[in-house]
Amino acid sequence: MAEIQRDVPIKLAQVGSLVVMKIVKHCSSSFPTTATGSLVGMDSNGVLEITNAFPFPTVDVSNTDGHQNDASTLAAAAPRAKANIVYQNDMIRHLKEVNVDANNVGWYTSATMGNFVNLSFIENQYHYQRDNGKTVALVHDVSRSSQGSLSLRAFKLSTDFMAAYKEGKFTTEILQKSKLTFKDIIVEVPVVVHNSHLLTSYLHQLPALPDNPELELPTSLDDIRRDPAKIPAHPSFDALDLSIDPFLEKTCDLLLESIEAHYTDLNNHQYYQRQLTREQFKITQWQTKRKAENAARVAAKQQPLPEDDWHGLFKLPQEPSRLEGMLNARQVEQYSKQVDGFTATVTSKMFAVRGNLLPE
């Protein structure tokens, strides 16, 4: 039975509430610089229990000529840095000494407006998932969480993409044979937040909501002084704001940048195809000329010349990797889903007040 349990794929990522608080605190304090860290826990019959987390040490670039992008680049590559691998192993060894679940179950990273699907993210997850298939990448979107709802998602690389990335060849021919698309790069794993039994007992002991939903308003100042808890909560008018959501504007800007990057990658591939067609035309001309020469030499009873010498005379251009284009397409899909989610609230407000906006 133990052997069967090890073969069960990950179906759910169960994150402890303390782990969530650690990740949120680290990512928020490092914003807008990328924050990364290690996850530890255990796998139990398809449920990946994440019980602890600790951040990776970052290099201080404030005293150098580096910019904010340099710090983010170093932090993004931290999970696969040799020094951090040693640091992670030491931390896991110390956790085992105090009887804490200390199996490596992945890593976490911060994101801004869902902008995390890049080559660095893929390399980090491949570094973990190559040695242990029961690992995930937790992505905490600081910008989305600032709106009041926690944005914490778990991802892992698909089996087909792991095999393709191991080969390191993302040409058009190989992608057509394997039928690998941008939707097959990463797989999202459901995330649930788990509280300890002690915290759950405390939550159950909190005062329940009043039986009567209608609050009795105070009739005098003495009523307020005697029982201030009866004062209704101050209403929030933020939901009635008709201005366009700033997060929607920022997401649209990022979406346009990703589309421009897609067209740039498409133009590069078209340039490669034109170069390839030109070289193949030259090779065809050379082979036709050589066959005509050999026909004349055979008629003159002379030794024909080899017809495969074109390998040394012509050099076919190497096809660029399509991996960047696939990742960019996956990021465009991510932004499109976010825009769809943002526009739901904005359009509902617009339809609600459409009668007052349109002239009669």
Foldseek 3Di string as FASTA:
>chain_A
DVVVQLPQAAAEEEEAPVQVVVVLVQCVVCPPAKWKWFWFDDDDSNYHYTYHIDTFDFDDCPPDPDDSVVRNVRRLQRLVDPVRVVVLVVVLVVCVVVPHRRHTAEMEMEDELLPDLDPSNLVNLLVVCVVPVRHWYWYWYNNVCVVPDTDIWIKHFAPLQSVVVVVVAADPVVCVVSVDFLVRGMDTHHYDYDYDPVVVVVVVPPDDDDPDPDQDDDPDPVVCVVDVVSDDDDDDCPLLDLDQDPSLVVLVVVLVVLVVVLVVVVVVQVVLVVQQVVLVVVLVVLLVVLVVVQVVCVVVVHDRDDSPPVPVVTDRDDGDHCPRNSSSVNSSVSSVVVNVVRVVSNVVSCVVCVVVVDDD
